[in-house]
N, C-alpha and C. Protein backbone atom coordinates (compact mmCIF):
# COMPACT_ATOMS: atom_id res chain seq x y z
N MET A 1 -9.56 89.44 147.88
CA MET A 1 -9.65 89.73 149.30
C MET A 1 -11.02 90.34 149.59
N ASN A 2 -11.60 90.03 150.73
CA ASN A 2 -12.95 90.44 151.05
C ASN A 2 -13.11 91.94 151.18
N GLY A 3 -12.10 92.66 151.68
CA GLY A 3 -12.21 94.10 151.84
C GLY A 3 -12.28 94.85 150.53
N ASP A 4 -11.90 94.23 149.43
CA ASP A 4 -11.91 94.87 148.13
C ASP A 4 -13.23 94.72 147.40
N ARG A 5 -14.20 94.10 148.02
CA ARG A 5 -15.49 93.86 147.37
C ARG A 5 -16.31 95.14 147.31
N PRO A 6 -16.99 95.39 146.20
CA PRO A 6 -17.91 96.53 146.16
C PRO A 6 -19.05 96.33 147.16
N SER A 7 -19.56 97.43 147.68
CA SER A 7 -20.65 97.37 148.65
C SER A 7 -22.00 97.51 147.97
N LEU A 8 -22.98 96.81 148.52
CA LEU A 8 -24.36 96.91 148.05
C LEU A 8 -25.16 97.69 149.09
N THR A 9 -26.30 98.22 148.67
CA THR A 9 -27.12 99.05 149.54
C THR A 9 -28.33 98.28 150.07
N GLY A 10 -28.96 98.86 151.06
CA GLY A 10 -30.19 98.30 151.59
C GLY A 10 -31.29 98.28 150.54
N ASP A 11 -31.29 99.28 149.64
CA ASP A 11 -32.27 99.31 148.55
C ASP A 11 -32.10 98.09 147.65
N TRP A 12 -30.84 97.75 147.33
CA TRP A 12 -30.59 96.57 146.51
C TRP A 12 -31.12 95.33 147.22
N LEU A 13 -30.83 95.21 148.52
CA LEU A 13 -31.27 94.05 149.28
C LEU A 13 -32.80 93.96 149.32
N ARG A 14 -33.47 95.07 149.55
CA ARG A 14 -34.94 95.07 149.59
C ARG A 14 -35.51 94.63 148.24
N ASP A 15 -34.98 95.17 147.15
CA ASP A 15 -35.46 94.80 145.81
C ASP A 15 -35.18 93.34 145.51
N THR A 16 -34.03 92.85 145.93
CA THR A 16 -33.67 91.45 145.69
C THR A 16 -34.55 90.51 146.50
N ARG A 17 -34.81 90.86 147.75
CA ARG A 17 -35.72 90.04 148.56
C ARG A 17 -37.09 89.96 147.90
N GLN A 18 -37.59 91.09 147.39
CA GLN A 18 -38.89 91.11 146.72
C GLN A 18 -38.87 90.22 145.47
N ALA A 19 -37.80 90.32 144.69
CA ALA A 19 -37.69 89.50 143.48
C ALA A 19 -37.63 88.01 143.83
N LEU A 20 -36.94 87.67 144.92
CA LEU A 20 -36.86 86.27 145.32
C LEU A 20 -38.21 85.75 145.82
N MET A 21 -38.98 86.60 146.51
CA MET A 21 -40.32 86.19 146.95
C MET A 21 -41.23 85.97 145.75
N GLU A 22 -41.16 86.86 144.77
CA GLU A 22 -41.97 86.70 143.55
C GLU A 22 -41.57 85.45 142.80
N ARG A 23 -40.28 85.15 142.76
CA ARG A 23 -39.79 83.93 142.10
C ARG A 23 -40.34 82.70 142.81
N GLU A 24 -40.26 82.70 144.14
CA GLU A 24 -40.76 81.56 144.91
C GLU A 24 -42.25 81.37 144.71
N ASN A 25 -43.01 82.48 144.70
CA ASN A 25 -44.45 82.39 144.45
C ASN A 25 -44.75 81.81 143.07
N ALA A 26 -43.99 82.22 142.06
CA ALA A 26 -44.20 81.69 140.71
C ALA A 26 -43.92 80.19 140.67
N ILE A 27 -42.90 79.75 141.41
CA ILE A 27 -42.56 78.32 141.45
C ILE A 27 -43.68 77.54 142.14
N VAL A 28 -44.13 78.03 143.30
CA VAL A 28 -45.15 77.32 144.08
C VAL A 28 -46.50 77.35 143.38
N LEU A 29 -46.93 78.54 142.98
CA LEU A 29 -48.25 78.67 142.36
C LEU A 29 -48.32 77.98 140.99
N GLY A 30 -47.21 77.97 140.28
CA GLY A 30 -47.17 77.34 138.97
C GLY A 30 -46.82 75.87 139.03
N VAL A 31 -46.57 75.36 140.23
CA VAL A 31 -46.16 73.97 140.44
C VAL A 31 -45.05 73.63 139.43
N LEU A 32 -44.03 74.48 139.42
CA LEU A 32 -42.95 74.33 138.46
C LEU A 32 -41.91 73.32 138.93
N GLN A 33 -41.29 72.68 137.97
CA GLN A 33 -40.19 71.76 138.23
C GLN A 33 -38.88 72.48 137.90
N GLN A 34 -37.78 71.99 138.40
CA GLN A 34 -36.46 72.63 138.31
C GLN A 34 -36.15 73.29 136.96
N PRO A 35 -36.28 72.65 135.83
CA PRO A 35 -35.86 73.32 134.59
C PRO A 35 -36.72 74.54 134.24
N ASP A 36 -37.92 74.62 134.82
CA ASP A 36 -38.83 75.71 134.48
C ASP A 36 -38.81 76.86 135.49
N TYR A 37 -37.93 76.82 136.48
CA TYR A 37 -37.86 77.89 137.47
C TYR A 37 -37.52 79.21 136.80
N PRO A 38 -38.12 80.31 137.26
CA PRO A 38 -37.71 81.63 136.76
C PRO A 38 -36.26 81.90 137.18
N PRO A 39 -35.56 82.77 136.48
CA PRO A 39 -34.16 83.04 136.83
C PRO A 39 -34.05 83.76 138.17
N LEU A 40 -32.90 83.61 138.79
CA LEU A 40 -32.58 84.37 139.99
C LEU A 40 -32.35 85.83 139.61
N PRO A 41 -32.43 86.75 140.59
CA PRO A 41 -32.13 88.16 140.29
C PRO A 41 -30.72 88.29 139.71
N GLU A 42 -30.55 89.20 138.78
CA GLU A 42 -29.28 89.31 138.07
C GLU A 42 -28.15 89.86 138.94
N CYS A 43 -26.94 89.53 138.53
CA CYS A 43 -25.74 90.02 139.18
C CYS A 43 -25.64 91.54 138.95
N PRO A 44 -25.40 92.33 140.01
CA PRO A 44 -25.31 93.78 139.83
C PRO A 44 -24.12 94.22 138.98
N ALA A 45 -23.10 93.39 138.86
CA ALA A 45 -21.91 93.78 138.09
C ALA A 45 -22.05 93.51 136.60
N CYS A 46 -22.59 92.34 136.24
CA CYS A 46 -22.61 91.96 134.83
C CYS A 46 -24.01 91.84 134.24
N GLY A 47 -25.04 91.87 135.11
CA GLY A 47 -26.41 91.81 134.62
C GLY A 47 -26.88 90.44 134.18
N ILE A 48 -26.10 89.41 134.43
CA ILE A 48 -26.46 88.06 134.02
C ILE A 48 -27.18 87.36 135.18
N ALA A 49 -28.23 86.62 134.86
CA ALA A 49 -28.94 85.84 135.88
C ALA A 49 -28.05 84.69 136.30
N PRO A 50 -27.70 84.60 137.59
CA PRO A 50 -26.78 83.57 138.05
C PRO A 50 -27.48 82.23 138.24
N GLU A 51 -26.69 81.20 138.34
CA GLU A 51 -27.20 79.87 138.68
C GLU A 51 -27.37 79.74 140.19
N ARG A 52 -26.60 80.54 140.93
CA ARG A 52 -26.68 80.50 142.39
C ARG A 52 -26.25 81.84 142.97
N ILE A 53 -26.75 82.13 144.17
CA ILE A 53 -26.32 83.28 144.96
C ILE A 53 -25.98 82.73 146.34
N ASP A 54 -24.72 82.87 146.73
CA ASP A 54 -24.27 82.37 148.03
C ASP A 54 -24.02 83.55 148.96
N THR A 55 -24.38 83.38 150.23
CA THR A 55 -24.11 84.41 151.23
C THR A 55 -23.37 83.78 152.39
N ARG A 56 -22.53 84.58 153.01
CA ARG A 56 -21.85 84.15 154.23
C ARG A 56 -21.45 85.40 155.00
N GLN A 57 -21.35 85.23 156.30
CA GLN A 57 -20.96 86.35 157.14
C GLN A 57 -19.46 86.32 157.35
N SER A 58 -18.89 87.49 157.42
CA SER A 58 -17.46 87.62 157.67
C SER A 58 -17.11 87.01 159.02
N GLU A 59 -15.88 86.58 159.14
CA GLU A 59 -15.43 86.10 160.45
C GLU A 59 -15.54 87.26 161.44
N LEU A 60 -15.95 86.93 162.64
CA LEU A 60 -16.12 87.96 163.66
C LEU A 60 -14.77 88.53 164.06
N ARG A 61 -14.74 89.82 164.24
CA ARG A 61 -13.50 90.48 164.66
C ARG A 61 -13.77 91.23 165.94
N PHE A 62 -12.90 91.04 166.91
CA PHE A 62 -13.07 91.67 168.21
C PHE A 62 -13.15 93.19 168.05
N GLY A 63 -14.17 93.79 168.66
CA GLY A 63 -14.30 95.24 168.64
C GLY A 63 -14.90 95.81 167.39
N ARG A 64 -15.36 94.97 166.48
CA ARG A 64 -15.94 95.48 165.24
C ARG A 64 -17.45 95.23 165.25
N PRO A 65 -18.24 96.29 165.43
CA PRO A 65 -19.69 96.10 165.56
C PRO A 65 -20.40 95.81 164.24
N ASP A 66 -19.85 96.25 163.13
CA ASP A 66 -20.54 96.11 161.85
C ASP A 66 -19.84 95.06 160.99
N VAL A 67 -20.22 93.80 161.16
CA VAL A 67 -19.60 92.70 160.43
C VAL A 67 -20.34 92.53 159.11
N PRO A 68 -19.67 92.66 157.96
CA PRO A 68 -20.37 92.57 156.68
C PRO A 68 -20.80 91.15 156.32
N THR A 69 -21.80 91.06 155.47
CA THR A 69 -22.21 89.81 154.87
C THR A 69 -21.70 89.83 153.43
N PHE A 70 -21.10 88.72 153.01
CA PHE A 70 -20.57 88.61 151.66
C PHE A 70 -21.58 87.91 150.77
N ILE A 71 -21.73 88.39 149.55
CA ILE A 71 -22.68 87.84 148.59
C ILE A 71 -21.89 87.51 147.32
N ASP A 72 -21.96 86.23 146.91
CA ASP A 72 -21.23 85.76 145.73
C ASP A 72 -22.21 85.22 144.70
N PHE A 73 -21.99 85.61 143.44
CA PHE A 73 -22.83 85.17 142.33
C PHE A 73 -22.05 84.16 141.51
N GLY A 74 -22.74 83.10 141.12
CA GLY A 74 -22.07 82.07 140.33
C GLY A 74 -22.90 81.69 139.13
N PRO A 75 -22.28 81.39 138.03
CA PRO A 75 -20.86 81.13 137.87
C PRO A 75 -20.02 82.35 137.48
N CYS A 76 -20.61 83.55 137.39
CA CYS A 76 -19.82 84.71 136.94
C CYS A 76 -18.69 85.05 137.90
N GLY A 77 -18.87 84.73 139.20
CA GLY A 77 -17.80 84.93 140.17
C GLY A 77 -17.74 86.30 140.80
N HIS A 78 -18.68 87.19 140.51
CA HIS A 78 -18.65 88.50 141.13
C HIS A 78 -19.04 88.39 142.60
N GLY A 79 -18.35 89.16 143.43
CA GLY A 79 -18.62 89.15 144.86
C GLY A 79 -18.82 90.55 145.39
N PHE A 80 -19.69 90.66 146.37
CA PHE A 80 -20.04 91.95 146.96
C PHE A 80 -20.11 91.79 148.47
N GLN A 81 -20.24 92.92 149.15
CA GLN A 81 -20.49 92.90 150.58
C GLN A 81 -21.60 93.88 150.90
N ILE A 82 -22.30 93.61 151.99
CA ILE A 82 -23.32 94.52 152.46
C ILE A 82 -23.16 94.63 153.97
N SER A 83 -23.19 95.86 154.45
CA SER A 83 -22.96 96.09 155.88
C SER A 83 -24.20 95.73 156.68
N GLU A 84 -23.98 95.49 157.96
CA GLU A 84 -25.09 95.18 158.86
C GLU A 84 -26.07 96.35 158.90
N ALA A 85 -25.57 97.56 158.87
CA ALA A 85 -26.44 98.75 158.88
C ALA A 85 -27.35 98.77 157.66
N GLU A 86 -26.82 98.42 156.49
CA GLU A 86 -27.64 98.40 155.27
C GLU A 86 -28.66 97.27 155.32
N ILE A 87 -28.28 96.14 155.91
CA ILE A 87 -29.23 95.02 156.05
C ILE A 87 -30.39 95.45 156.95
N LEU A 88 -30.08 96.11 158.04
CA LEU A 88 -31.13 96.56 158.95
C LEU A 88 -32.00 97.64 158.30
N ARG A 89 -31.42 98.45 157.45
CA ARG A 89 -32.16 99.51 156.75
C ARG A 89 -33.14 98.93 155.74
N ALA A 90 -32.81 97.78 155.19
CA ALA A 90 -33.66 97.16 154.18
C ALA A 90 -34.91 96.62 154.82
C-alpha cells in the first residue's frame, strides 16, 4: 500500500538529481552506448544500483494539498514516497 512507503527527503532528491545530471554528462561527453552507461543512483534501502527508477504522482485527493510522488526502484522492488514540500525544498 502506498501509505506504508518510507519517505525520502529533499536532500536525497537534490543529491539524486545531481548524480543523474553527472551520469547524463558522462553519457553525452563520452559518447557512450547503452551497455557502457554509468549506473543509476543506488536504491536507498538496499544500496544496489537499479536498472530503472520509476516515478508517479499519487492520485489526487479532494482537500489534500500535499500529494506525494512515489519512487520505485527496479528490479529490487523497493518503493518510497516524497512529499511535495520536500520536492520544493530540494
